[in-house]
Amino acid sequence: MRIETAAIEGIVAITPPRFGDHRGYFSEVFKDAWFRENVADVTFVQDNESLSAQAGTVRGLHFQIAPFAQGKLVRCLAGRIMDVVVDIRVGSPSYGKWLSQELSPDTGKQLWIPAGFAHGFATIEPNSVISYKVTAPYSPQHDRGIAWNDPAIGIRWPFDEGDMVSSDKDKTLPRLADLPSHFSYSAQQPQD
């Protein structure tokens, strides 16, 4: 598997190798021991999947707080997305900064997002299917988020804001400046 570190500490892109012939290809997309040794020593407890029918659908920016803070390993099974992370670790040199990675089944690339980051995505193609492993189960009481269109963060989404489709919940999320401190940065913090 090929690892690419990102401009924000802790975020890692992983591209599993594919072995193909006239029938198609085979790929080991996740190996627990390899992931623990090369990326983060974490245990995944749940797999999630979502379908976004319309291009321009935005989901996020979501995260969960302790004791249900989640690390996520995200991949796109159909369609194409712009996957986005925002550093919300108070004291981090990249606090409030964002980065994006295009994910699609064509490349098989996955994105590792440890706890301490808000996560979201926008669909570039219709009928995009996203699959992600998480290190903690979903907990409605610990579910939080920040506005995907917060001008202070300045994410450059692939569609104009007026053309984006989002949930009622995501339309009411607070801006980063109004977010309580849920995560603190430590250069030695575990990546889970």
C-alpha atoms as a PDB file:
ATOM      1  CA  MET A   1       0.000   0.000   0.000  1.00  0.00           C
ATOM      2  CA  ARG A   2       1.222   3.481  -0.830  1.00  0.00           C
ATOM      3  CA  ILE A   3       1.096   6.145   1.890  1.00  0.00           C
ATOM      4  CA  GLU A   4       1.045   9.890   1.262  1.00  0.00           C
ATOM      5  CA  THR A   5       1.285  12.261   4.212  1.00  0.00           C
ATOM      6  CA  ALA A   6      -0.743  15.436   3.913  1.00  0.00           C
ATOM      7  CA  ALA A   7       0.081  19.069   4.601  1.00  0.00           C
ATOM      8  CA  ILE A   8      -1.791  18.785   7.913  1.00  0.00           C
ATOM      9  CA  GLU A   9      -0.164  16.519  10.486  1.00  0.00           C
ATOM     10  CA  GLY A  10      -2.087  13.313  11.109  1.00  0.00           C
ATOM     11  CA  ILE A  11      -3.954  13.116   7.796  1.00  0.00           C
ATOM     12  CA  VAL A  12      -2.802  10.267   5.565  1.00  0.00           C
ATOM     13  CA  ALA A  13      -3.870   9.159   2.074  1.00  0.00           C
ATOM     14  CA  ILE A  14      -3.565   5.434   1.374  1.00  0.00           C
ATOM     15  CA  THR A  15      -3.702   3.821  -2.056  1.00  0.00           C
ATOM     16  CA  PRO A  16      -3.997   0.029  -2.002  1.00  0.00           C
ATOM     17  CA  PRO A  17      -2.351  -1.814  -4.907  1.00  0.00           C
ATOM     18  CA  ARG A  18      -4.520  -3.416  -7.548  1.00  0.00           C
ATOM     19  CA  PHE A  19      -3.756  -6.597  -9.424  1.00  0.00           C
ATOM     20  CA  GLY A  20      -5.638  -6.712 -12.689  1.00  0.00           C
ATOM     21  CA  ASP A  21      -6.169  -8.769 -15.772  1.00  0.00           C
ATOM     22  CA  HIS A  22      -8.821  -9.125 -18.483  1.00  0.00           C
ATOM     23  CA  ARG A  23     -11.480  -9.841 -15.805  1.00  0.00           C
ATOM     24  CA  GLY A  24     -10.915  -6.676 -13.764  1.00  0.00           C
ATOM     25  CA  TYR A  25      -8.812  -6.315 -10.619  1.00  0.00           C
ATOM     26  CA  PHE A  26      -8.290  -7.541  -7.060  1.00  0.00           C
ATOM     27  CA  SER A  27      -7.240  -5.273  -4.186  1.00  0.00           C
ATOM     28  CA  GLU A  28      -6.741  -5.736  -0.452  1.00  0.00           C
ATOM     29  CA  VAL A  29      -8.245  -2.447   0.700  1.00  0.00           C
ATOM     30  CA  PHE A  30      -7.606  -2.890   4.434  1.00  0.00           C
ATOM     31  CA  LYS A  31      -5.221  -4.971   6.528  1.00  0.00           C
ATOM     32  CA  ASP A  32      -5.429  -4.447  10.284  1.00  0.00           C
ATOM     33  CA  ALA A  33      -1.806  -5.278  11.131  1.00  0.00           C
ATOM     34  CA  TRP A  34      -0.451  -3.157   8.271  1.00  0.00           C
ATOM     35  CA  PHE A  35      -2.653  -0.196   9.220  1.00  0.00           C
ATOM     36  CA  ARG A  36      -1.617  -0.400  12.898  1.00  0.00           C
ATOM     37  CA  GLU A  37       2.064  -0.554  12.001  1.00  0.00           C
ATOM     38  CA  ASN A  38       2.127   2.080   9.254  1.00  0.00           C
ATOM     39  CA  VAL A  39      -0.699   4.540   9.950  1.00  0.00           C
ATOM     40  CA  ALA A  40      -2.321   4.384  13.404  1.00  0.00           C
ATOM     41  CA  ASP A  41      -2.652   1.795  16.146  1.00  0.00           C
ATOM     42  CA  VAL A  42      -6.457   1.915  16.325  1.00  0.00           C
ATOM     43  CA  THR A  43      -9.374  -0.479  16.392  1.00  0.00           C
ATOM     44  CA  PHE A  44     -12.215   0.055  13.953  1.00  0.00           C
ATOM     45  CA  VAL A  45     -15.600  -0.788  15.491  1.00  0.00           C
ATOM     46  CA  GLN A  46     -18.128   0.122  12.804  1.00  0.00           C
ATOM     47  CA  ASP A  47     -18.384   0.459   9.019  1.00  0.00           C
ATOM     48  CA  ASN A  48     -20.721   3.102   7.576  1.00  0.00           C
ATOM     49  CA  GLU A  49     -21.959   3.689   4.046  1.00  0.00           C
ATOM     50  CA  SER A  50     -23.869   6.556   2.472  1.00  0.00           C
ATOM     51  CA  LEU A  51     -25.359   7.236  -0.940  1.00  0.00           C
ATOM     52  CA  SER A  52     -25.727  10.784  -2.207  1.00  0.00           C
ATOM     53  CA  ALA A  53     -27.985  10.753  -5.246  1.00  0.00           C
ATOM     54  CA  GLN A  54     -27.319  14.274  -6.505  1.00  0.00           C
ATOM     55  CA  ALA A  55     -24.039  15.874  -7.565  1.00  0.00           C
ATOM     56  CA  GLY A  56     -23.350  18.902  -5.382  1.00  0.00           C
ATOM     57  CA  THR A  57     -24.534  17.217  -2.190  1.00  0.00           C
ATOM     58  CA  VAL A  58     -22.477  18.286   0.814  1.00  0.00           C
ATOM     59  CA  ARG A  59     -22.374  16.295   4.050  1.00  0.00           C
ATOM     60  CA  GLY A  60     -20.601  17.704   7.057  1.00  0.00           C
ATOM     61  CA  LEU A  61     -18.541  19.004   8.558  1.00  0.00           C
ATOM     62  CA  HIS A  62     -19.032  16.403  11.304  1.00  0.00           C
ATOM     63  CA  PHE A  63     -17.139  14.979  14.270  1.00  0.00           C
ATOM     64  CA  GLN A  64     -17.849  13.346  17.602  1.00  0.00           C
ATOM     65  CA  ILE A  65     -16.503  14.357  21.015  1.00  0.00           C
ATOM     66  CA  ALA A  66     -15.033  12.172  23.779  1.00  0.00           C
ATOM     67  CA  PRO A  67     -15.615   9.527  24.866  1.00  0.00           C
ATOM     68  CA  PHE A  68     -16.926   8.735  21.363  1.00  0.00           C
ATOM     69  CA  ALA A  69     -14.418  10.753  19.316  1.00  0.00           C
ATOM     70  CA  GLN A  70     -13.911   9.006  15.987  1.00  0.00           C
ATOM     71  CA  GLY A  71     -11.050   8.375  13.645  1.00  0.00           C
ATOM     72  CA  LYS A  72     -12.305   7.622  10.120  1.00  0.00           C
ATOM     73  CA  LEU A  73     -10.907   5.737   7.148  1.00  0.00           C
ATOM     74  CA  VAL A  74     -12.903   6.991   4.140  1.00  0.00           C
ATOM     75  CA  ARG A  75     -13.197   5.670   0.597  1.00  0.00           C
ATOM     76  CA  CYS A  76     -15.529   6.210  -2.348  1.00  0.00           C
ATOM     77  CA  LEU A  77     -17.124   3.089  -3.843  1.00  0.00           C
ATOM     78  CA  ALA A  78     -19.085   4.762  -6.668  1.00  0.00           C
ATOM     79  CA  GLY A  79     -19.120   8.234  -8.193  1.00  0.00           C
ATOM     80  CA  ARG A  80     -16.569  10.824  -7.109  1.00  0.00           C
ATOM     81  CA  ILE A  81     -16.243  13.098  -4.073  1.00  0.00           C
ATOM     82  CA  MET A  82     -14.193  15.952  -2.726  1.00  0.00           C
ATOM     83  CA  ASP A  83     -13.380  14.737   0.792  1.00  0.00           C
ATOM     84  CA  VAL A  84     -12.566  17.547   3.252  1.00  0.00           C
ATOM     85  CA  VAL A  85     -10.993  17.730   6.713  1.00  0.00           C
ATOM     86  CA  VAL A  86     -10.643  20.739   9.023  1.00  0.00           C
ATOM     87  CA  ASP A  87      -8.227  20.772  11.961  1.00  0.00           C
ATOM     88  CA  ILE A  88     -10.187  21.614  15.134  1.00  0.00           C
ATOM     89  CA  ARG A  89      -7.407  20.779  17.622  1.00  0.00           C
ATOM     90  CA  VAL A  90      -6.911  23.900  19.736  1.00  0.00           C
ATOM     91  CA  GLY A  91      -3.235  24.844  19.785  1.00  0.00           C
ATOM     92  CA  SER A  92      -2.431  23.026  16.541  1.00  0.00           C
ATOM     93  CA  PRO A  93      -0.225  24.918  14.074  1.00  0.00           C
ATOM     94  CA  SER A  94      -2.888  24.093  11.453  1.00  0.00           C
ATOM     95  CA  TYR A  95      -5.957  24.909  13.583  1.00  0.00           C
ATOM     96  CA  GLY A  96      -8.833  26.019  11.336  1.00  0.00           C
ATOM     97  CA  LYS A  97      -6.982  24.970   8.181  1.00  0.00           C
ATOM     98  CA  TRP A  98      -8.547  22.582   5.706  1.00  0.00           C
ATOM     99  CA  LEU A  99      -7.431  20.201   3.031  1.00  0.00           C
ATOM    100  CA  SER A 100      -9.238  18.126   0.481  1.00  0.00           C
ATOM    101  CA  GLN A 101      -8.646  14.928  -1.422  1.00  0.00           C
ATOM    102  CA  GLU A 102     -10.586  13.654  -4.389  1.00  0.00           C
ATOM    103  CA  LEU A 103     -11.736  10.079  -3.796  1.00  0.00           C
ATOM    104  CA  SER A 104     -13.179   7.760  -6.415  1.00  0.00           C
ATOM    105  CA  PRO A 105     -13.275   4.059  -7.235  1.00  0.00           C
ATOM    106  CA  ASP A 106     -10.958   4.764 -10.182  1.00  0.00           C
ATOM    107  CA  THR A 107      -7.979   5.329  -7.883  1.00  0.00           C
ATOM    108  CA  GLY A 108      -9.101   3.382  -4.807  1.00  0.00           C
ATOM    109  CA  LYS A 109      -7.464   6.042  -2.648  1.00  0.00           C
ATOM    110  CA  GLN A 110      -8.578   6.236   0.992  1.00  0.00           C
ATOM    111  CA  LEU A 111      -8.198   9.018   3.537  1.00  0.00           C
ATOM    112  CA  TRP A 112      -7.321   8.476   7.222  1.00  0.00           C
ATOM    113  CA  ILE A 113      -8.760  11.194   9.456  1.00  0.00           C
ATOM    114  CA  PRO A 114      -7.911  10.905  13.165  1.00  0.00           C
ATOM    115  CA  ALA A 115     -10.028  12.324  15.991  1.00  0.00           C
ATOM    116  CA  GLY A 116      -9.616  16.081  16.308  1.00  0.00           C
ATOM    117  CA  PHE A 117     -10.729  16.892  12.780  1.00  0.00           C
ATOM    118  CA  ALA A 118     -14.101  17.842  11.336  1.00  0.00           C
ATOM    119  CA  HIS A 119     -14.909  15.810   8.227  1.00  0.00           C
ATOM    120  CA  GLY A 120     -17.220  16.299   5.290  1.00  0.00           C
ATOM    121  CA  PHE A 121     -17.476  15.817   1.567  1.00  0.00           C
ATOM    122  CA  ALA A 122     -19.181  17.086  -1.546  1.00  0.00           C
ATOM    123  CA  THR A 123     -20.272  14.805  -4.343  1.00  0.00           C
ATOM    124  CA  ILE A 124     -18.817  15.648  -7.731  1.00  0.00           C
ATOM    125  CA  GLU A 125     -20.846  12.983  -9.534  1.00  0.00           C
ATOM    126  CA  PRO A 126     -24.390  11.720  -8.914  1.00  0.00           C
ATOM    127  CA  ASN A 127     -24.980   8.440  -7.069  1.00  0.00           C
ATOM    128  CA  SER A 128     -21.760   8.658  -5.083  1.00  0.00           C
ATOM    129  CA  VAL A 129     -21.359   5.936  -2.473  1.00  0.00           C
ATOM    130  CA  ILE A 130     -19.031   6.533   0.468  1.00  0.00           C
ATOM    131  CA  SER A 131     -17.798   3.842   2.842  1.00  0.00           C
ATOM    132  CA  TYR A 132     -15.904   4.582   6.019  1.00  0.00           C
ATOM    133  CA  LYS A 133     -14.585   2.722   9.014  1.00  0.00           C
ATOM    134  CA  VAL A 134     -14.779   4.450  12.397  1.00  0.00           C
ATOM    135  CA  THR A 135     -12.970   3.931  15.693  1.00  0.00           C
ATOM    136  CA  ALA A 136     -16.040   4.648  17.854  1.00  0.00           C
ATOM    137  CA  PRO A 137     -19.730   3.931  17.303  1.00  0.00           C
ATOM    138  CA  TYR A 138     -22.168   6.669  16.409  1.00  0.00           C
ATOM    139  CA  SER A 139     -23.459   8.502  19.480  1.00  0.00           C
ATOM    140  CA  PRO A 140     -26.158  11.151  18.940  1.00  0.00           C
ATOM    141  CA  GLN A 141     -25.277  12.797  22.270  1.00  0.00           C
ATOM    142  CA  HIS A 142     -21.650  13.274  21.169  1.00  0.00           C
ATOM    143  CA  ASP A 143     -22.339  14.206  17.544  1.00  0.00           C
ATOM    144  CA  ARG A 144     -21.128  17.717  16.630  1.00  0.00           C
ATOM    145  CA  GLY A 145     -20.214  19.743  13.582  1.00  0.00           C
ATOM    146  CA  ILE A 146     -19.215  23.056  12.074  1.00  0.00           C
ATOM    147  CA  ALA A 147     -20.666  24.917   9.113  1.00  0.00           C
ATOM    148  CA  TRP A 148     -19.421  23.636   5.770  1.00  0.00           C
ATOM    149  CA  ASN A 149     -19.650  27.167   4.364  1.00  0.00           C
ATOM    150  CA  ASP A 150     -17.921  29.025   7.227  1.00  0.00           C
ATOM    151  CA  PRO A 151     -16.154  31.932   5.465  1.00  0.00           C
ATOM    152  CA  ALA A 152     -13.405  31.958   8.105  1.00  0.00           C
ATOM    153  CA  ILE A 153     -12.396  28.450   6.991  1.00  0.00           C
ATOM    154  CA  GLY A 154     -12.886  29.259   3.292  1.00  0.00           C
ATOM    155  CA  ILE A 155     -13.255  25.804   1.781  1.00  0.00           C
ATOM    156  CA  ARG A 156     -13.289  25.969  -2.023  1.00  0.00           C
ATOM    157  CA  TRP A 157     -16.094  23.537  -2.821  1.00  0.00           C
ATOM    158  CA  PRO A 158     -16.570  22.223  -6.390  1.00  0.00           C
ATOM    159  CA  PHE A 159     -19.960  23.966  -6.777  1.00  0.00           C
ATOM    160  CA  ASP A 160     -21.314  27.417  -5.964  1.00  0.00           C
ATOM    161  CA  GLU A 161     -22.823  27.584  -2.478  1.00  0.00           C
ATOM    162  CA  GLY A 162     -26.318  28.243  -3.876  1.00  0.00           C
ATOM    163  CA  ASP A 163     -26.119  25.047  -5.924  1.00  0.00           C
ATOM    164  CA  MET A 164     -25.092  22.805  -3.015  1.00  0.00           C
ATOM    165  CA  VAL A 165     -27.590  20.417  -1.412  1.00  0.00           C
ATOM    166  CA  SER A 166     -27.351  19.878   2.355  1.00  0.00           C
ATOM    167  CA  SER A 167     -29.453  18.603   5.235  1.00  0.00           C
ATOM    168  CA  ASP A 168     -31.434  20.844   7.557  1.00  0.00           C
ATOM    169  CA  LYS A 169     -29.098  19.765  10.363  1.00  0.00           C
ATOM    170  CA  ASP A 170     -25.975  20.784   8.424  1.00  0.00           C
ATOM    171  CA  LYS A 171     -27.501  24.177   7.603  1.00  0.00           C
ATOM    172  CA  THR A 172     -27.655  25.029  11.319  1.00  0.00           C
ATOM    173  CA  LEU A 173     -24.161  23.979  12.413  1.00  0.00           C
ATOM    174  CA  PRO A 174     -22.094  26.676  14.175  1.00  0.00           C
ATOM    175  CA  ARG A 175     -19.085  28.434  12.730  1.00  0.00           C
ATOM    176  CA  LEU A 176     -15.620  27.468  13.929  1.00  0.00           C
ATOM    177  CA  ALA A 177     -15.318  30.689  15.962  1.00  0.00           C
ATOM    178  CA  ASP A 178     -18.412  29.666  17.957  1.00  0.00           C
ATOM    179  CA  LEU A 179     -17.241  26.105  18.600  1.00  0.00           C
ATOM    180  CA  PRO A 180     -16.276  25.145  22.165  1.00  0.00           C
ATOM    181  CA  SER A 181     -12.849  23.591  22.614  1.00  0.00           C
ATOM    182  CA  HIS A 182     -13.329  19.831  22.229  1.00  0.00           C
ATOM    183  CA  PHE A 183      -9.814  18.771  21.174  1.00  0.00           C
ATOM    184  CA  SER A 184      -6.346  19.958  22.176  1.00  0.00           C
ATOM    185  CA  TYR A 185      -3.252  19.578  20.068  1.00  0.00           C
ATOM    186  CA  SER A 186      -0.307  17.594  21.332  1.00  0.00           C
ATOM    187  CA  ALA A 187       2.654  16.752  19.143  1.00  0.00           C
ATOM    188  CA  GLN A 188       2.759  13.339  20.846  1.00  0.00           C
ATOM    189  CA  GLN A 189      -0.982  12.611  20.756  1.00  0.00           C
ATOM    190  CA  PRO A 190      -2.139   9.170  19.597  1.00  0.00           C
ATOM    191  CA  GLN A 191      -3.735   9.044  16.156  1.00  0.00           C
ATOM    192  CA  ASP A 192      -7.126   7.584  17.046  1.00  0.00           C
END
